[in-house]
Amino acid sequence: MAGWWRSSPPVRTRVQRTGPLVLLGIALSVLTGLPKTVTETHGQQGHRTELVQQPWGLAFSGARPEATNPDPAPKEEREDGLKGILPLAGVAALLLYRARSARKAAEGVTQAPPKPASAKRIEGFDSMRFFLILYIVCGHFISFAAPSAFAFKTVTQINVVVGAFFALSGYVAAYTTCEIGQKKAKDKIAGTPPPTFIVSRVFGYWTLHLFVLLLFCPMFMYVDNKFGGPVVTAWHAVLSVSMTAAWFPLHAEVWNAPTWFLGALTFATILQPYFTPIIAKQGKQELRRTAFWLTLASLLPKLGYCSGTSAWHLLEGALSPKEFANLAIFNVMRFNPVWAVAEFMLGMVACRLVMLDGVEEGQPKTSPVDTLGPLMAMVTLIVLRATGILAISDMIVRPCFFMPLFVLFLMGLHRASLPDTITDPVAKFLALKPLVWLGGLSFPIFIVHGPLGQLFYKKVIATNVFGGTLNNICGPWFFWVYLLIVVAAAFLLNKFFMNSAKVKQWSASAQKTVLKYL
């Protein structure tokens, strides 16, 4: 931490520099012959030097003899005394001049504020986004690839893994909005009005979401109008465009189904300016207690769901909607934005624990176990559930096992990625340029994979467009073509829409318009 501060030389150095002048003045006084009476008087009382506290520091004020009342001395002795005092007076004048010069210099120089440590980009986080979204995409459409029962149960635990997205979003949010090594949020964040902060963050993903809705709205509207009529179509359009579908458990997956996540993330984003400064001020012990209470707050409603529906042993991701005792209650557990906020905050807490390394506690030692351990534990957890050895509900596994393991993995990956030369095998693998590039496509992949999946595999749509679902027309192998098409579409969206100067200009203008009403 010492390297973050720039301070002027200690004031004590200035006092030490006056020492030779004081000794010189005393020596000259003796050499010029102080009278005996004067010497005795000053020998008894002594010269006392003072250090006067000033707003700008400590400054030497010169020598001041104590007040005495010596007997009248002969005129000759008084003249000799004046001669002896002259050197001291000269030294005192010089010291006063230097003190005033130092004061003016100090008043003219403002101490620089501590320089915050720069945040290194953790490229492994980008790669992690890609692997997470790849798992989610496969979980949504793997059934059309004719997988084995084990493969199907392994890949469809998306109700568990989706929590990683909220934790990772919170982790990155803390990393970009809080100071490293300091218990504070960044000044530019603390000084930004909440509406401005919220709108800028939401427009970061809402613009692409809106564009994809417009591209595929004929398909969405056709299905809704066919089975529900114009009123239902209009209602679903409102829920989709406003990203509020997650609040409605039986309508959370209308139109572009996976984007219920954006509604939950938006709620966390709205609250972020208010809880970020609180989390930023906490020390490590407070952060650990916060993590415990967040985990408990996330677990309690899931216990209520399992108790009320006897779902303790279910692998919910592999079930059809008709197999649930109460689908609405299950969907509340899956989609409600309140639970997303708890996981978002848990990610922030985990990041702050790493950002305060070496501040309150010693710098923790890192090893490959910090990344490999949690990673292998998460994989083992998913495999054990797929084989039926571990028969526990998605809703219990997520807060009790998966989320703690995932945030531990993020913390280990964070610490392993900080050195200039990365030696951790997992961190090195995730920092590979091709994976980082794919990580940059993770958001458009997330946005576009649902509509494309409906186009190819939803019977009412694919039959009208292709004459049938493409898994029936082409075979299960088309699933791999579907994945390539999704990545290609994401690349085009990223290059020609997300990076478009006109789109950014429109987004900035729209944000200003929205802020006028907030």
Protein backbone atom coordinates (compact mmCIF):
# COMPACT_ATOMS: atom_id res chain seq x y z
CA MET A 1 0.00 0.00 0.00
CA ALA A 2 2.87 2.34 0.64
CA GLY A 3 3.48 2.68 -3.06
CA TRP A 4 0.03 4.24 -3.55
CA TRP A 5 0.88 7.28 -1.48
CA ARG A 6 3.03 10.22 -2.40
CA SER A 7 4.03 12.29 0.61
CA SER A 8 6.38 15.22 1.11
CA PRO A 9 9.58 14.64 3.16
CA PRO A 10 8.88 14.47 6.91
CA VAL A 11 8.86 17.82 8.67
CA ARG A 12 11.42 16.47 11.09
CA THR A 13 14.01 16.72 8.28
CA ARG A 14 13.57 20.49 8.16
CA VAL A 15 14.21 20.71 11.90
CA GLN A 16 17.29 18.56 11.57
CA ARG A 17 18.60 20.93 8.92
CA THR A 18 18.45 23.86 11.40
CA GLY A 19 20.63 22.02 13.96
CA PRO A 20 23.97 23.10 12.46
CA LEU A 21 22.79 26.72 12.36
CA VAL A 22 21.91 26.61 16.07
CA LEU A 23 25.31 25.14 16.96
CA LEU A 24 27.01 27.74 14.77
CA GLY A 25 25.16 30.54 16.55
CA ILE A 26 26.13 29.23 19.99
CA ALA A 27 29.77 28.84 18.96
CA LEU A 28 29.91 32.38 17.55
CA SER A 29 28.30 33.70 20.70
CA VAL A 30 30.97 32.10 22.85
CA LEU A 31 33.77 33.25 20.58
CA THR A 32 32.57 36.85 20.67
CA GLY A 33 32.76 36.78 24.45
CA LEU A 34 29.48 36.76 26.32
CA PRO A 35 29.93 38.49 29.69
CA LYS A 36 30.09 36.33 32.76
CA THR A 37 26.88 37.69 34.23
CA VAL A 38 25.03 37.09 31.04
CA THR A 39 26.58 33.61 30.61
CA GLU A 40 25.60 32.61 34.12
CA THR A 41 22.11 33.91 33.65
CA HIS A 42 21.64 32.05 30.42
CA GLY A 43 23.43 29.02 31.78
CA GLN A 44 20.89 28.80 34.61
CA GLN A 45 17.81 29.46 32.54
CA GLY A 46 19.11 27.97 29.25
CA HIS A 47 18.06 28.61 25.69
CA ARG A 48 14.75 26.96 24.86
CA THR A 49 13.82 26.26 21.28
CA GLU A 50 10.23 25.80 20.34
CA LEU A 51 8.46 23.84 17.64
CA VAL A 52 5.23 25.59 16.82
CA GLN A 53 2.37 23.51 15.37
CA GLN A 54 1.03 25.17 12.24
CA PRO A 55 -1.70 24.04 9.86
CA TRP A 56 0.99 23.19 7.33
CA GLY A 57 3.20 21.22 9.76
CA LEU A 58 5.94 21.81 12.31
CA ALA A 59 8.29 24.75 11.85
CA PHE A 60 11.25 25.96 13.84
CA SER A 61 10.56 29.27 15.59
CA GLY A 62 14.01 30.14 16.76
CA ALA A 63 15.74 30.53 20.15
CA ARG A 64 14.00 32.40 22.90
CA PRO A 65 15.73 33.01 26.26
CA GLU A 66 13.51 32.77 29.33
CA ALA A 67 12.63 36.11 30.86
CA THR A 68 14.99 37.02 33.71
CA ASN A 69 15.67 40.01 35.84
CA PRO A 70 19.51 40.13 36.17
CA ASP A 71 21.17 42.76 38.25
CA PRO A 72 22.20 45.87 36.40
CA ALA A 73 25.53 45.31 34.75
CA PRO A 74 28.28 47.77 33.89
CA LYS A 75 27.99 49.43 30.53
CA GLU A 76 31.07 47.63 29.21
CA GLU A 77 29.55 44.24 29.94
CA ARG A 78 26.26 45.20 28.30
CA GLU A 79 28.12 46.21 25.14
CA ASP A 80 30.03 42.93 25.11
CA GLY A 81 26.71 41.15 25.69
CA LEU A 82 25.21 42.84 22.66
CA LYS A 83 28.18 41.71 20.61
CA GLY A 84 27.63 38.11 21.78
CA ILE A 85 23.92 38.20 20.99
CA LEU A 86 24.43 39.49 17.43
CA PRO A 87 25.31 36.03 15.98
CA LEU A 88 22.25 34.49 17.68
CA ALA A 89 20.06 37.26 16.28
CA GLY A 90 21.45 36.61 12.80
CA VAL A 91 20.78 32.89 13.09
CA ALA A 92 17.27 33.55 14.41
CA ALA A 93 16.56 35.88 11.48
CA LEU A 94 17.83 33.26 9.04
CA LEU A 95 15.69 30.56 10.68
CA LEU A 96 12.64 32.81 10.58
CA TYR A 97 13.24 33.48 6.90
CA ARG A 98 13.56 29.75 6.15
CA ALA A 99 10.45 28.98 8.19
CA ARG A 100 8.40 31.54 6.28
CA SER A 101 9.77 30.24 2.96
CA ALA A 102 8.88 26.68 3.94
CA ARG A 103 5.40 27.80 4.96
CA LYS A 104 4.78 29.51 1.62
CA ALA A 105 6.07 26.46 -0.25
CA ALA A 106 3.84 24.16 1.80
CA GLU A 107 0.81 26.36 1.23
CA GLY A 108 1.47 26.35 -2.51
CA VAL A 109 1.72 22.55 -2.77
CA THR A 110 -1.35 20.38 -2.29
CA GLN A 111 -0.64 16.84 -1.21
CA ALA A 112 -1.61 14.43 -3.96
CA PRO A 113 -4.44 12.04 -3.05
CA PRO A 114 -3.59 8.36 -2.80
CA LYS A 115 -3.31 6.84 -6.23
CA PRO A 116 -5.73 3.91 -6.59
CA ALA A 117 -4.31 0.63 -7.74
CA SER A 118 -5.16 -0.14 -11.33
CA ALA A 119 -7.42 -3.13 -11.96
CA LYS A 120 -5.93 -5.77 -14.22
CA ARG A 121 -8.34 -7.26 -16.72
CA ILE A 122 -9.09 -10.86 -15.76
CA GLU A 123 -9.43 -12.51 -19.16
CA GLY A 124 -10.45 -15.80 -17.59
CA PHE A 125 -13.80 -14.23 -16.68
CA ASP A 126 -14.57 -13.70 -20.37
CA SER A 127 -13.80 -17.33 -21.13
CA MET A 128 -15.93 -18.43 -18.19
CA ARG A 129 -18.89 -16.56 -19.68
CA PHE A 130 -18.51 -18.53 -22.89
CA PHE A 131 -18.45 -21.92 -21.15
CA LEU A 132 -21.42 -20.97 -18.99
CA ILE A 133 -23.52 -19.80 -21.93
CA LEU A 134 -22.49 -22.87 -23.93
CA TYR A 135 -23.82 -25.04 -21.11
CA ILE A 136 -27.08 -23.07 -21.03
CA VAL A 137 -27.54 -23.28 -24.82
CA CYS A 138 -26.97 -27.03 -24.79
CA GLY A 139 -29.30 -27.43 -21.84
CA HIS A 140 -32.10 -25.71 -23.73
CA PHE A 141 -31.83 -27.71 -26.96
CA ILE A 142 -29.77 -30.86 -26.28
CA SER A 143 -32.93 -32.99 -26.42
CA PHE A 144 -33.01 -32.49 -30.21
CA ALA A 145 -29.59 -34.15 -30.53
CA ALA A 146 -30.89 -37.51 -29.25
CA PRO A 147 -28.53 -37.65 -26.23
CA SER A 148 -28.21 -40.56 -23.83
CA ALA A 149 -30.11 -40.39 -20.56
CA PHE A 150 -26.88 -39.62 -18.67
CA ALA A 151 -25.84 -36.86 -21.09
CA PHE A 152 -29.32 -35.36 -20.96
CA LYS A 153 -29.36 -35.25 -17.16
CA THR A 154 -25.81 -33.88 -17.06
CA VAL A 155 -26.46 -30.97 -19.40
CA THR A 156 -29.97 -29.99 -18.28
CA GLN A 157 -29.05 -28.86 -14.76
CA ILE A 158 -29.38 -25.29 -15.98
CA ASN A 159 -31.50 -24.27 -12.97
CA VAL A 160 -28.38 -24.82 -10.89
CA VAL A 161 -25.74 -23.39 -13.22
CA VAL A 162 -27.66 -20.21 -14.11
CA GLY A 163 -26.87 -18.90 -10.64
CA ALA A 164 -23.25 -18.61 -11.78
CA PHE A 165 -24.27 -15.85 -14.20
CA PHE A 166 -25.66 -13.70 -11.39
CA ALA A 167 -22.61 -14.31 -9.19
CA LEU A 168 -20.21 -13.55 -12.04
CA SER A 169 -22.14 -10.37 -12.90
CA GLY A 170 -21.89 -9.24 -9.29
CA TYR A 171 -18.22 -10.16 -9.11
CA VAL A 172 -17.35 -8.07 -12.16
CA ALA A 173 -19.56 -5.23 -10.90
CA ALA A 174 -17.59 -5.05 -7.64
CA TYR A 175 -14.28 -5.26 -9.51
CA THR A 176 -15.18 -2.28 -11.69
CA THR A 177 -16.94 -0.08 -9.13
CA CYS A 178 -14.80 -0.48 -5.97
CA GLU A 179 -11.22 0.49 -5.15
CA ILE A 180 -8.55 -2.18 -4.78
CA GLY A 181 -7.06 -2.30 -1.29
CA GLN A 182 -9.43 0.36 0.03
CA LYS A 183 -12.81 0.15 1.76
CA LYS A 184 -14.64 2.43 -0.61
CA ALA A 185 -16.44 2.58 -3.91
CA LYS A 186 -14.81 4.46 -6.76
CA ASP A 187 -15.41 8.21 -6.69
CA LYS A 188 -16.88 8.25 -10.18
CA ILE A 189 -19.44 5.67 -9.05
CA ALA A 190 -20.26 7.32 -5.74
CA GLY A 191 -20.60 10.67 -7.50
CA THR A 192 -22.92 9.42 -10.23
CA PRO A 193 -26.66 9.93 -9.62
CA PRO A 194 -28.39 6.53 -9.29
CA PRO A 195 -30.74 7.10 -12.27
CA THR A 196 -27.77 7.85 -14.54
CA PHE A 197 -25.87 4.81 -13.31
CA ILE A 198 -28.88 2.51 -13.69
CA VAL A 199 -29.94 3.70 -17.14
CA SER A 200 -26.41 3.46 -18.55
CA ARG A 201 -26.04 -0.11 -17.28
CA VAL A 202 -29.46 -1.25 -18.50
CA PHE A 203 -28.94 0.23 -21.97
CA GLY A 204 -25.73 -1.77 -22.15
CA TYR A 205 -27.81 -4.90 -22.81
CA TRP A 206 -31.36 -3.68 -23.53
CA THR A 207 -30.42 -2.26 -26.95
CA LEU A 208 -29.39 -5.64 -28.39
CA HIS A 209 -32.33 -7.33 -26.66
CA LEU A 210 -34.73 -4.90 -28.33
CA PHE A 211 -33.10 -5.33 -31.74
CA VAL A 212 -33.41 -9.15 -31.63
CA LEU A 213 -37.04 -8.85 -30.51
CA LEU A 214 -37.73 -6.69 -33.56
CA LEU A 215 -35.95 -9.15 -35.86
CA PHE A 216 -37.99 -12.12 -34.67
CA CYS A 217 -41.23 -10.39 -33.63
CA PRO A 218 -43.20 -11.82 -36.63
CA MET A 219 -42.39 -15.31 -35.36
CA PHE A 220 -43.23 -14.46 -31.74
CA MET A 221 -46.44 -12.66 -32.64
CA TYR A 222 -47.59 -15.44 -34.97
CA VAL A 223 -47.39 -18.05 -32.20
CA ASP A 224 -49.02 -15.86 -29.56
CA ASN A 225 -51.83 -14.74 -31.83
CA LYS A 226 -52.48 -18.32 -32.98
CA PHE A 227 -52.84 -19.75 -29.47
CA GLY A 228 -53.81 -16.75 -27.35
CA GLY A 229 -55.19 -13.98 -29.51
CA PRO A 230 -54.26 -10.29 -29.88
CA VAL A 231 -54.63 -9.40 -26.18
CA VAL A 232 -52.20 -12.09 -25.08
CA THR A 233 -49.85 -11.08 -27.90
CA ALA A 234 -49.85 -7.45 -26.77
CA TRP A 235 -49.37 -8.43 -23.12
CA HIS A 236 -46.41 -10.66 -23.93
CA ALA A 237 -44.91 -7.89 -26.06
CA VAL A 238 -45.05 -5.51 -23.11
CA LEU A 239 -43.44 -8.06 -20.77
CA SER A 240 -40.68 -8.80 -23.28
CA VAL A 241 -39.79 -5.24 -24.23
CA SER A 242 -39.87 -3.98 -20.63
CA MET A 243 -37.92 -7.00 -19.32
CA THR A 244 -40.44 -7.57 -16.54
CA ALA A 245 -41.48 -11.12 -17.43
CA ALA A 246 -39.43 -12.60 -14.57
CA TRP A 247 -41.95 -11.19 -12.09
CA PHE A 248 -44.74 -13.32 -13.59
CA PRO A 249 -44.01 -17.00 -12.85
CA LEU A 250 -46.29 -18.41 -15.57
CA HIS A 251 -45.22 -15.88 -18.22
CA ALA A 252 -41.50 -15.56 -17.49
CA GLU A 253 -40.39 -17.29 -20.70
CA VAL A 254 -42.55 -15.51 -23.28
CA TRP A 255 -41.09 -14.61 -26.68
CA ASN A 256 -37.30 -14.82 -26.25
CA ALA A 257 -37.49 -17.22 -23.31
CA PRO A 258 -33.91 -17.03 -21.89
CA THR A 259 -34.10 -13.26 -21.51
CA TRP A 260 -36.06 -13.55 -18.28
CA PHE A 261 -32.51 -13.37 -16.92
CA LEU A 262 -32.25 -9.75 -18.09
CA GLY A 263 -35.31 -8.79 -16.06
CA ALA A 264 -33.81 -10.29 -12.91
CA LEU A 265 -30.44 -8.67 -13.65
CA THR A 266 -32.15 -5.32 -14.17
CA PHE A 267 -33.68 -5.47 -10.69
CA ALA A 268 -30.22 -6.14 -9.22
CA THR A 269 -28.83 -3.25 -11.29
CA ILE A 270 -31.51 -0.89 -9.95
CA LEU A 271 -30.47 -1.69 -6.39
CA GLN A 272 -26.73 -1.74 -7.05
CA PRO A 273 -26.01 1.98 -6.48
CA TYR A 274 -27.52 1.66 -3.01
CA PHE A 275 -25.84 -1.51 -1.70
CA THR A 276 -22.46 -1.14 -3.43
CA PRO A 277 -21.16 1.59 -1.04
CA ILE A 278 -22.22 -0.53 1.94
CA ILE A 279 -20.43 -3.64 0.71
CA ALA A 280 -17.40 -1.55 -0.29
CA LYS A 281 -16.98 -0.28 3.30
CA GLN A 282 -16.93 -3.74 4.85
CA GLY A 283 -13.81 -5.48 6.06
CA LYS A 284 -13.10 -9.14 5.48
CA GLN A 285 -14.83 -10.38 8.63
CA GLU A 286 -17.93 -8.36 7.81
CA LEU A 287 -17.87 -9.64 4.24
CA ARG A 288 -17.77 -13.25 5.41
CA ARG A 289 -20.77 -12.66 7.66
CA THR A 290 -22.58 -10.98 4.77
CA ALA A 291 -21.90 -14.01 2.56
CA PHE A 292 -23.40 -16.28 5.21
CA TRP A 293 -26.59 -14.24 5.54
CA LEU A 294 -26.99 -13.92 1.78
CA THR A 295 -26.68 -17.68 1.42
CA LEU A 296 -29.23 -18.23 4.18
CA ALA A 297 -31.64 -15.71 2.62
CA SER A 298 -31.35 -17.56 -0.69
CA LEU A 299 -31.82 -21.00 0.90
CA LEU A 300 -34.85 -20.38 3.09
CA PRO A 301 -37.47 -19.94 0.32
CA LYS A 302 -36.07 -23.00 -1.48
CA LEU A 303 -36.57 -25.05 1.67
CA GLY A 304 -40.16 -23.82 1.73
CA TYR A 305 -40.64 -24.88 -1.89
CA CYS A 306 -39.23 -28.37 -1.30
CA SER A 307 -41.22 -28.79 1.89
CA GLY A 308 -44.49 -27.68 0.31
CA THR A 309 -44.17 -29.73 -2.90
CA SER A 310 -42.11 -32.72 -1.68
CA ALA A 311 -39.44 -31.87 -4.25
CA TRP A 312 -36.42 -32.72 -2.09
CA HIS A 313 -35.13 -35.42 -4.46
CA LEU A 314 -36.07 -33.97 -7.88
CA LEU A 315 -33.77 -33.24 -10.80
CA GLU A 316 -36.05 -30.42 -11.99
CA GLY A 317 -34.11 -29.56 -15.13
CA ALA A 318 -34.88 -32.97 -16.63
CA LEU A 319 -38.64 -32.77 -15.95
CA SER A 320 -41.41 -31.58 -18.25
CA PRO A 321 -43.79 -28.87 -16.98
CA LYS A 322 -46.58 -31.38 -16.40
CA GLU A 323 -44.44 -33.38 -13.96
CA PHE A 324 -44.34 -30.59 -11.36
CA ALA A 325 -46.71 -30.63 -8.42
CA ASN A 326 -46.97 -26.85 -8.60
CA LEU A 327 -45.24 -25.24 -11.58
CA ALA A 328 -46.01 -21.68 -10.45
CA ILE A 329 -44.20 -22.11 -7.12
CA PHE A 330 -41.23 -23.71 -8.87
CA ASN A 331 -41.07 -20.84 -11.35
CA VAL A 332 -41.06 -18.34 -8.50
CA MET A 333 -37.95 -20.07 -7.19
CA ARG A 334 -36.38 -20.06 -10.66
CA PHE A 335 -37.20 -16.60 -11.96
CA ASN A 336 -38.03 -14.20 -9.14
CA PRO A 337 -35.55 -11.28 -9.26
CA VAL A 338 -35.31 -11.09 -5.46
CA TRP A 339 -33.29 -14.32 -5.33
CA ALA A 340 -31.12 -13.05 -8.17
CA VAL A 341 -30.16 -10.01 -6.09
CA ALA A 342 -28.88 -12.23 -3.30
CA GLU A 343 -26.64 -14.14 -5.72
CA PHE A 344 -25.50 -10.93 -7.40
CA MET A 345 -24.49 -9.53 -4.01
CA LEU A 346 -22.76 -12.79 -3.12
CA GLY A 347 -20.56 -12.33 -6.17
CA MET A 348 -19.73 -8.79 -5.08
CA VAL A 349 -18.82 -9.95 -1.58
CA ALA A 350 -16.50 -12.64 -2.98
CA CYS A 351 -14.73 -10.09 -5.17
CA ARG A 352 -14.25 -7.67 -2.29
CA LEU A 353 -12.61 -10.41 -0.23
CA VAL A 354 -9.94 -10.70 -2.93
CA MET A 355 -9.64 -6.95 -3.47
CA LEU A 356 -8.77 -6.50 0.23
CA ASP A 357 -6.00 -9.11 0.23
CA GLY A 358 -3.00 -7.84 2.16
CA VAL A 359 -4.92 -4.98 3.78
CA GLU A 360 -6.40 -6.46 6.94
CA GLU A 361 -4.90 -9.93 6.74
CA GLY A 362 -1.75 -11.33 5.23
CA GLN A 363 -1.51 -11.94 1.52
CA PRO A 364 -2.95 -15.43 0.99
CA LYS A 365 -0.77 -18.03 -0.67
CA THR A 366 -2.08 -19.30 -4.00
CA SER A 367 -1.84 -22.76 -5.52
CA PRO A 368 -3.53 -24.70 -8.35
CA VAL A 369 -5.84 -26.21 -5.75
CA ASP A 370 -7.59 -22.83 -5.47
CA THR A 371 -8.97 -23.23 -9.00
CA LEU A 372 -8.84 -26.97 -9.66
CA GLY A 373 -10.43 -27.87 -6.35
CA PRO A 374 -13.72 -25.94 -6.72
CA LEU A 375 -13.87 -26.70 -10.47
CA MET A 376 -13.57 -30.47 -9.98
CA ALA A 377 -16.04 -30.32 -7.09
CA MET A 378 -18.64 -28.59 -9.30
CA VAL A 379 -18.16 -31.11 -12.10
CA THR A 380 -18.39 -34.01 -9.64
CA LEU A 381 -21.55 -32.53 -8.16
CA ILE A 382 -23.27 -32.36 -11.57
CA VAL A 383 -22.17 -35.89 -12.51
CA LEU A 384 -23.33 -37.39 -9.21
CA ARG A 385 -26.74 -35.82 -9.68
CA ALA A 386 -26.93 -37.06 -13.27
CA THR A 387 -26.20 -40.62 -12.18
CA GLY A 388 -28.77 -40.44 -9.37
CA ILE A 389 -26.20 -41.04 -6.63
CA LEU A 390 -26.92 -37.58 -5.22
CA ALA A 391 -30.69 -37.11 -5.35
CA ILE A 392 -31.21 -33.55 -4.14
CA SER A 393 -33.41 -30.84 -5.64
CA ASP A 394 -31.93 -28.21 -7.96
CA MET A 395 -33.19 -25.59 -5.57
CA ILE A 396 -31.19 -27.00 -2.65
CA VAL A 397 -28.01 -27.84 -4.56
CA ARG A 398 -27.76 -24.34 -5.99
CA PRO A 399 -27.45 -22.27 -2.76
CA CYS A 400 -25.89 -24.95 -0.54
CA PHE A 401 -23.25 -26.45 -2.82
CA PHE A 402 -22.90 -24.99 -6.29
CA MET A 403 -22.88 -21.27 -5.49
CA PRO A 404 -20.29 -21.49 -2.67
CA LEU A 405 -18.07 -23.62 -4.91
CA PHE A 406 -18.45 -21.25 -7.84
CA VAL A 407 -17.54 -18.11 -5.89
CA LEU A 408 -14.53 -19.94 -4.44
CA PHE A 409 -13.53 -20.79 -8.00
CA LEU A 410 -13.90 -17.14 -9.05
CA MET A 411 -11.77 -16.01 -6.13
CA GLY A 412 -9.08 -18.57 -6.95
CA LEU A 413 -9.13 -17.61 -10.64
CA HIS A 414 -8.92 -13.93 -9.71
CA ARG A 415 -5.87 -14.41 -7.49
CA ALA A 416 -4.18 -16.74 -9.99
CA SER A 417 -4.64 -14.20 -12.81
CA LEU A 418 -3.06 -11.22 -11.05
CA PRO A 419 0.67 -11.99 -11.53
CA ASP A 420 2.27 -10.80 -14.75
CA THR A 421 3.23 -14.39 -15.49
CA ILE A 422 0.31 -16.74 -14.92
CA THR A 423 1.35 -20.20 -13.73
CA ASP A 424 -1.99 -21.65 -12.62
CA PRO A 425 -3.05 -24.23 -15.26
CA VAL A 426 -6.74 -23.31 -15.18
CA ALA A 427 -6.03 -19.58 -15.36
CA LYS A 428 -3.59 -20.12 -18.25
CA PHE A 429 -6.14 -22.19 -20.15
CA LEU A 430 -8.92 -19.64 -19.66
CA ALA A 431 -6.59 -16.84 -20.79
CA LEU A 432 -6.10 -18.41 -24.23
CA LYS A 433 -6.92 -15.87 -26.92
CA PRO A 434 -9.48 -18.01 -28.82
CA LEU A 435 -11.45 -18.60 -25.62
CA VAL A 436 -11.29 -14.93 -24.67
CA TRP A 437 -12.56 -14.04 -28.17
CA LEU A 438 -15.45 -16.46 -27.79
CA GLY A 439 -16.13 -14.93 -24.39
CA GLY A 440 -16.62 -11.62 -26.13
CA LEU A 441 -19.45 -13.23 -28.10
CA SER A 442 -21.15 -14.71 -25.04
CA PHE A 443 -23.81 -12.01 -24.67
CA PRO A 444 -25.02 -12.03 -28.29
CA ILE A 445 -24.95 -15.85 -28.12
CA PHE A 446 -27.20 -15.66 -25.10
CA ILE A 447 -29.60 -13.26 -26.79
CA VAL A 448 -29.90 -14.99 -30.16
CA HIS A 449 -29.78 -18.71 -29.32
CA GLY A 450 -33.42 -18.81 -28.13
CA PRO A 451 -35.06 -17.34 -31.24
CA LEU A 452 -32.89 -19.44 -33.55
CA GLY A 453 -33.74 -22.54 -31.55
CA GLN A 454 -37.44 -21.78 -31.92
CA LEU A 455 -37.01 -21.24 -35.64
CA PHE A 456 -35.35 -24.63 -36.15
CA TYR A 457 -37.03 -26.78 -33.50
CA LYS A 458 -40.39 -25.32 -32.42
CA LYS A 459 -42.94 -27.40 -34.29
CA VAL A 460 -45.50 -24.68 -35.04
CA ILE A 461 -42.80 -22.45 -36.55
CA ALA A 462 -40.44 -24.95 -38.19
CA THR A 463 -43.34 -26.72 -39.88
CA ASN A 464 -44.45 -23.50 -41.58
CA VAL A 465 -40.91 -22.50 -42.55
CA PHE A 466 -39.14 -25.80 -43.31
CA GLY A 467 -41.96 -28.33 -43.40
CA GLY A 468 -40.96 -29.79 -40.03
CA THR A 469 -38.43 -29.53 -37.22
CA LEU A 470 -34.88 -29.84 -38.49
CA ASN A 471 -33.98 -32.65 -36.14
CA ASN A 472 -36.60 -34.71 -37.96
CA ILE A 473 -35.73 -33.46 -41.43
CA CYS A 474 -31.93 -33.52 -41.11
CA GLY A 475 -31.37 -35.73 -38.09
CA PRO A 476 -29.87 -35.20 -34.61
CA TRP A 477 -26.56 -34.05 -36.14
CA PHE A 478 -28.18 -30.74 -37.08
CA PHE A 479 -27.80 -29.71 -33.44
CA TRP A 480 -24.09 -29.11 -34.06
CA VAL A 481 -24.94 -27.03 -37.12
CA TYR A 482 -27.34 -25.07 -34.94
CA LEU A 483 -24.49 -24.28 -32.51
CA LEU A 484 -22.31 -23.03 -35.37
CA ILE A 485 -25.16 -20.88 -36.70
CA VAL A 486 -25.66 -19.36 -33.24
CA VAL A 487 -21.96 -18.44 -32.97
CA ALA A 488 -21.96 -16.99 -36.51
CA ALA A 489 -25.08 -14.93 -35.80
CA ALA A 490 -23.53 -13.71 -32.54
CA PHE A 491 -20.39 -12.64 -34.40
CA LEU A 492 -22.44 -10.63 -36.91
CA LEU A 493 -24.49 -8.99 -34.16
CA ASN A 494 -21.37 -8.10 -32.24
CA LYS A 495 -19.54 -6.68 -35.25
CA PHE A 496 -22.29 -4.82 -37.05
CA PHE A 497 -24.68 -3.90 -34.25
CA MET A 498 -23.02 -3.81 -30.85
CA ASN A 499 -19.90 -2.10 -32.23
CA SER A 500 -21.80 0.22 -34.55
CA ALA A 501 -21.17 3.92 -33.97
CA LYS A 502 -24.73 4.76 -35.01
CA VAL A 503 -26.17 2.30 -32.50
CA LYS A 504 -24.04 3.78 -29.74
CA GLN A 505 -25.13 7.27 -30.74
CA TRP A 506 -28.79 6.24 -30.69
CA SER A 507 -28.32 4.57 -27.30
CA ALA A 508 -26.74 7.70 -25.82
CA SER A 509 -29.58 9.86 -27.16
CA ALA A 510 -32.21 7.46 -25.84
CA GLN A 511 -30.58 7.47 -22.41
CA LYS A 512 -30.78 11.25 -22.24
CA THR A 513 -34.45 11.11 -23.18
CA VAL A 514 -35.21 8.52 -20.49
CA LEU A 515 -33.30 10.47 -17.84
CA LYS A 516 -35.48 13.51 -18.43
CA TYR A 517 -38.36 11.60 -16.86
CA LEU A 518 -36.39 10.16 -13.93
